[in-house]
Amino acid sequence: MAPQNATSNDIQGLIAQGKTVAETLKIARDIARKLLEAQDLVFVRTP
């Protein structure tokens, strides 16, 4: 089976790849959460 890929038009930098659609979506959710948390930290730290 070919790897499954996921990207987002709304979250810059989100690229996920998994063996199944379900695995890819789980990975994408985790990456999205981390990217949004990192973005929030940047906004909080900016004077």
PDB file of N, CA and C in Angstrom:
ATOM      1  N   MET A   1       0.843  -1.183   0.000  1.00  0.00           N
ATOM      2  CA  MET A   1       0.000   0.000   0.000  1.00  0.00           C
ATOM      3  C   MET A   1       0.886   1.243   0.000  1.00  0.00           C
ATOM      4  N   ALA A   2       0.512   2.213  -0.813  1.00  0.00           N
ATOM      5  CA  ALA A   2       1.269   3.464  -0.910  1.00  0.00           C
ATOM      6  C   ALA A   2       1.023   4.325   0.319  1.00  0.00           C
ATOM      7  N   PRO A   3       2.018   5.091   0.716  1.00  0.00           N
ATOM      8  CA  PRO A   3       1.826   5.985   1.855  1.00  0.00           C
ATOM      9  C   PRO A   3       0.713   6.996   1.567  1.00  0.00           C
ATOM     10  N   GLN A   4       0.033   7.401   2.617  1.00  0.00           N
ATOM     11  CA  GLN A   4      -1.022   8.408   2.522  1.00  0.00           C
ATOM     12  C   GLN A   4      -0.448   9.742   2.995  1.00  0.00           C
ATOM     13  N   ASN A   5      -0.801  10.821   2.317  1.00  0.00           N
ATOM     14  CA  ASN A   5      -0.287  12.143   2.652  1.00  0.00           C
ATOM     15  C   ASN A   5      -1.426  13.086   3.012  1.00  0.00           C
ATOM     16  N   ALA A   6      -1.131  14.038   3.883  1.00  0.00           N
ATOM     17  CA  ALA A   6      -2.101  15.068   4.245  1.00  0.00           C
ATOM     18  C   ALA A   6      -1.382  16.404   4.373  1.00  0.00           C
ATOM     19  N   THR A   7      -2.003  17.439   3.845  1.00  0.00           N
ATOM     20  CA  THR A   7      -1.521  18.808   3.999  1.00  0.00           C
ATOM     21  C   THR A   7      -2.713  19.680   4.380  1.00  0.00           C
ATOM     22  N   SER A   8      -2.442  20.948   4.664  1.00  0.00           N
ATOM     23  CA  SER A   8      -3.523  21.855   5.027  1.00  0.00           C
ATOM     24  C   SER A   8      -3.330  23.190   4.341  1.00  0.00           C
ATOM     25  N   ASN A   9      -4.410  23.715   3.790  1.00  0.00           N
ATOM     26  CA  ASN A   9      -4.373  25.073   3.241  1.00  0.00           C
ATOM     27  C   ASN A   9      -4.452  26.109   4.347  1.00  0.00           C
ATOM     28  N   ASP A  10      -4.958  25.714   5.508  1.00  0.00           N
ATOM     29  CA  ASP A  10      -5.180  26.642   6.609  1.00  0.00           C
ATOM     30  C   ASP A  10      -4.030  26.706   7.608  1.00  0.00           C
ATOM     31  N   ILE A  11      -3.237  25.650   7.708  1.00  0.00           N
ATOM     32  CA  ILE A  11      -2.148  25.608   8.683  1.00  0.00           C
ATOM     33  C   ILE A  11      -0.834  25.446   7.928  1.00  0.00           C
ATOM     34  N   GLN A  12      -0.111  26.548   7.804  1.00  0.00           N
ATOM     35  CA  GLN A  12       1.142  26.536   7.067  1.00  0.00           C
ATOM     36  C   GLN A  12       2.134  25.575   7.713  1.00  0.00           C
ATOM     37  N   GLY A  13       2.769  24.734   6.905  1.00  0.00           N
ATOM     38  CA  GLY A  13       3.774  23.813   7.401  1.00  0.00           C
ATOM     39  C   GLY A  13       3.250  22.438   7.754  1.00  0.00           C
ATOM     40  N   LEU A  14       1.933  22.234   7.674  1.00  0.00           N
ATOM     41  CA  LEU A  14       1.387  20.928   8.036  1.00  0.00           C
ATOM     42  C   LEU A  14       1.522  19.965   6.861  1.00  0.00           C
ATOM     43  N   ILE A  15       2.366  18.980   7.053  1.00  0.00           N
ATOM     44  CA  ILE A  15       2.528  17.886   6.099  1.00  0.00           C
ATOM     45  C   ILE A  15       2.652  16.619   6.928  1.00  0.00           C
ATOM     46  N   ALA A  16       1.766  15.664   6.674  1.00  0.00           N
ATOM     47  CA  ALA A  16       1.782  14.411   7.434  1.00  0.00           C
ATOM     48  C   ALA A  16       1.751  13.240   6.473  1.00  0.00           C
ATOM     49  N   GLN A  17       2.376  12.149   6.872  1.00  0.00           N
ATOM     50  CA  GLN A  17       2.376  10.939   6.056  1.00  0.00           C
ATOM     51  C   GLN A  17       2.245   9.737   6.964  1.00  0.00           C
ATOM     52  N   GLY A  18       1.378   8.812   6.575  1.00  0.00           N
ATOM     53  CA  GLY A  18       1.182   7.597   7.341  1.00  0.00           C
ATOM     54  C   GLY A  18       0.924   6.420   6.427  1.00  0.00           C
ATOM     55  N   LYS A  19       0.809   5.252   7.024  1.00  0.00           N
ATOM     56  CA  LYS A  19       0.572   4.032   6.256  1.00  0.00           C
ATOM     57  C   LYS A  19      -0.884   3.887   5.848  1.00  0.00           C
ATOM     58  N   THR A  20      -1.802   4.437   6.668  1.00  0.00           N
ATOM     59  CA  THR A  20      -3.234   4.367   6.384  1.00  0.00           C
ATOM     60  C   THR A  20      -3.820   5.769   6.509  1.00  0.00           C
ATOM     61  N   VAL A  21      -5.035   5.938   6.014  1.00  0.00           N
ATOM     62  CA  VAL A  21      -5.704   7.228   6.142  1.00  0.00           C
ATOM     63  C   VAL A  21      -5.882   7.573   7.618  1.00  0.00           C
ATOM     64  N   ALA A  22      -6.318   6.614   8.409  1.00  0.00           N
ATOM     65  CA  ALA A  22      -6.538   6.853   9.839  1.00  0.00           C
ATOM     66  C   ALA A  22      -5.237   7.277  10.526  1.00  0.00           C
ATOM     67  N   GLU A  23      -4.157   6.589  10.243  1.00  0.00           N
ATOM     68  CA  GLU A  23      -2.871   6.939  10.852  1.00  0.00           C
ATOM     69  C   GLU A  23      -2.429   8.334  10.399  1.00  0.00           C
ATOM     70  N   THR A  24      -2.611   8.636   9.127  1.00  0.00           N
ATOM     71  CA  THR A  24      -2.229   9.942   8.590  1.00  0.00           C
ATOM     72  C   THR A  24      -3.015  11.062   9.254  1.00  0.00           C
ATOM     73  N   LEU A  25      -4.317  10.857   9.444  1.00  0.00           N
ATOM     74  CA  LEU A  25      -5.135  11.874  10.106  1.00  0.00           C
ATOM     75  C   LEU A  25      -4.722  12.076  11.560  1.00  0.00           C
ATOM     76  N   LYS A  26      -4.380  10.996  12.240  1.00  0.00           N
ATOM     77  CA  LYS A  26      -3.923  11.104  13.633  1.00  0.00           C
ATOM     78  C   LYS A  26      -2.621  11.907  13.696  1.00  0.00           C
ATOM     79  N   ILE A  27      -1.706  11.600  12.801  1.00  0.00           N
ATOM     80  CA  ILE A  27      -0.439  12.325  12.750  1.00  0.00           C
ATOM     81  C   ILE A  27      -0.689  13.797  12.409  1.00  0.00           C
ATOM     82  N   ALA A  28      -1.577  14.050  11.448  1.00  0.00           N
ATOM     83  CA  ALA A  28      -1.885  15.424  11.042  1.00  0.00           C
ATOM     84  C   ALA A  28      -2.468  16.223  12.211  1.00  0.00           C
ATOM     85  N   ARG A  29      -3.358  15.599  12.988  1.00  0.00           N
ATOM     86  CA  ARG A  29      -3.933  16.278  14.158  1.00  0.00           C
ATOM     87  C   ARG A  29      -2.844  16.641  15.165  1.00  0.00           C
ATOM     88  N   ASP A  30      -1.934  15.700  15.408  1.00  0.00           N
ATOM     89  CA  ASP A  30      -0.846  15.957  16.360  1.00  0.00           C
ATOM     90  C   ASP A  30       0.055  17.096  15.873  1.00  0.00           C
ATOM     91  N   ILE A  31       0.386  17.071  14.589  1.00  0.00           N
ATOM     92  CA  ILE A  31       1.238  18.118  14.025  1.00  0.00           C
ATOM     93  C   ILE A  31       0.524  19.465  14.078  1.00  0.00           C
ATOM     94  N   ALA A  32      -0.761  19.485  13.724  1.00  0.00           N
ATOM     95  CA  ALA A  32      -1.533  20.727  13.754  1.00  0.00           C
ATOM     96  C   ALA A  32      -1.540  21.312  15.163  1.00  0.00           C
ATOM     97  N   ARG A  33      -1.764  20.458  16.146  1.00  0.00           N
ATOM     98  CA  ARG A  33      -1.781  20.915  17.534  1.00  0.00           C
ATOM     99  C   ARG A  33      -0.433  21.537  17.904  1.00  0.00           C
ATOM    100  N   LYS A  34       0.653  20.873  17.538  1.00  0.00           N
ATOM    101  CA  LYS A  34       1.989  21.378  17.876  1.00  0.00           C
ATOM    102  C   LYS A  34       2.298  22.684  17.138  1.00  0.00           C
ATOM    103  N   LEU A  35       1.909  22.775  15.861  1.00  0.00           N
ATOM    104  CA  LEU A  35       2.148  24.000  15.105  1.00  0.00           C
ATOM    105  C   LEU A  35       1.356  25.167  15.692  1.00  0.00           C
ATOM    106  N   LEU A  36       0.099  24.921  16.052  1.00  0.00           N
ATOM    107  CA  LEU A  36      -0.728  25.982  16.623  1.00  0.00           C
ATOM    108  C   LEU A  36      -0.230  26.388  18.010  1.00  0.00           C
ATOM    109  N   GLU A  37       0.232  25.423  18.808  1.00  0.00           N
ATOM    110  CA  GLU A  37       0.806  25.756  20.112  1.00  0.00           C
ATOM    111  C   GLU A  37       2.069  26.592  19.938  1.00  0.00           C
ATOM    112  N   ALA A  38       2.912  26.228  18.983  1.00  0.00           N
ATOM    113  CA  ALA A  38       4.143  26.982  18.733  1.00  0.00           C
ATOM    114  C   ALA A  38       3.809  28.389  18.249  1.00  0.00           C
ATOM    115  N   GLN A  39       2.807  28.521  17.406  1.00  0.00           N
ATOM    116  CA  GLN A  39       2.388  29.832  16.913  1.00  0.00           C
ATOM    117  C   GLN A  39       1.877  30.685  18.071  1.00  0.00           C
ATOM    118  N   ASP A  40       1.120  30.088  18.957  1.00  0.00           N
ATOM    119  CA  ASP A  40       0.595  30.796  20.130  1.00  0.00           C
ATOM    120  C   ASP A  40       1.744  31.287  21.009  1.00  0.00           C
ATOM    121  N   LEU A  41       2.761  30.457  21.191  1.00  0.00           N
ATOM    122  CA  LEU A  41       3.906  30.857  22.007  1.00  0.00           C
ATOM    123  C   LEU A  41       4.629  32.036  21.384  1.00  0.00           C
ATOM    124  N   VAL A  42       4.721  32.071  20.075  1.00  0.00           N
ATOM    125  CA  VAL A  42       5.389  33.188  19.400  1.00  0.00           C
ATOM    126  C   VAL A  42       4.599  34.459  19.630  1.00  0.00           C
ATOM    127  N   PHE A  43       3.274  34.401  19.509  1.00  0.00           N
ATOM    128  CA  PHE A  43       2.462  35.584  19.718  1.00  0.00           C
ATOM    129  C   PHE A  43       2.519  36.043  21.170  1.00  0.00           C
ATOM    130  N   VAL A  44       2.566  35.121  22.102  1.00  0.00           N
ATOM    131  CA  VAL A  44       2.611  35.483  23.514  1.00  0.00           C
ATOM    132  C   VAL A  44       3.935  36.154  23.850  1.00  0.00           C
ATOM    133  N   ARG A  45       5.035  35.701  23.275  1.00  0.00           N
ATOM    134  CA  ARG A  45       6.355  36.218  23.606  1.00  0.00           C
ATOM    135  C   ARG A  45       6.699  37.501  22.870  1.00  0.00           C
ATOM    136  N   THR A  46       5.979  37.831  21.819  1.00  0.00           N
ATOM    137  CA  THR A  46       6.282  39.026  21.059  1.00  0.00           C
ATOM    138  C   THR A  46       5.809  40.255  21.826  1.00  0.00           C
ATOM    139  N   PRO A  47       6.723  41.211  22.085  1.00  0.00           N
ATOM    140  CA  PRO A  47       6.330  42.401  22.856  1.00  0.00           C
ATOM    141  C   PRO A  47       5.394  43.314  22.078  1.00  0.00           C
TER     142      PRO A  47
END
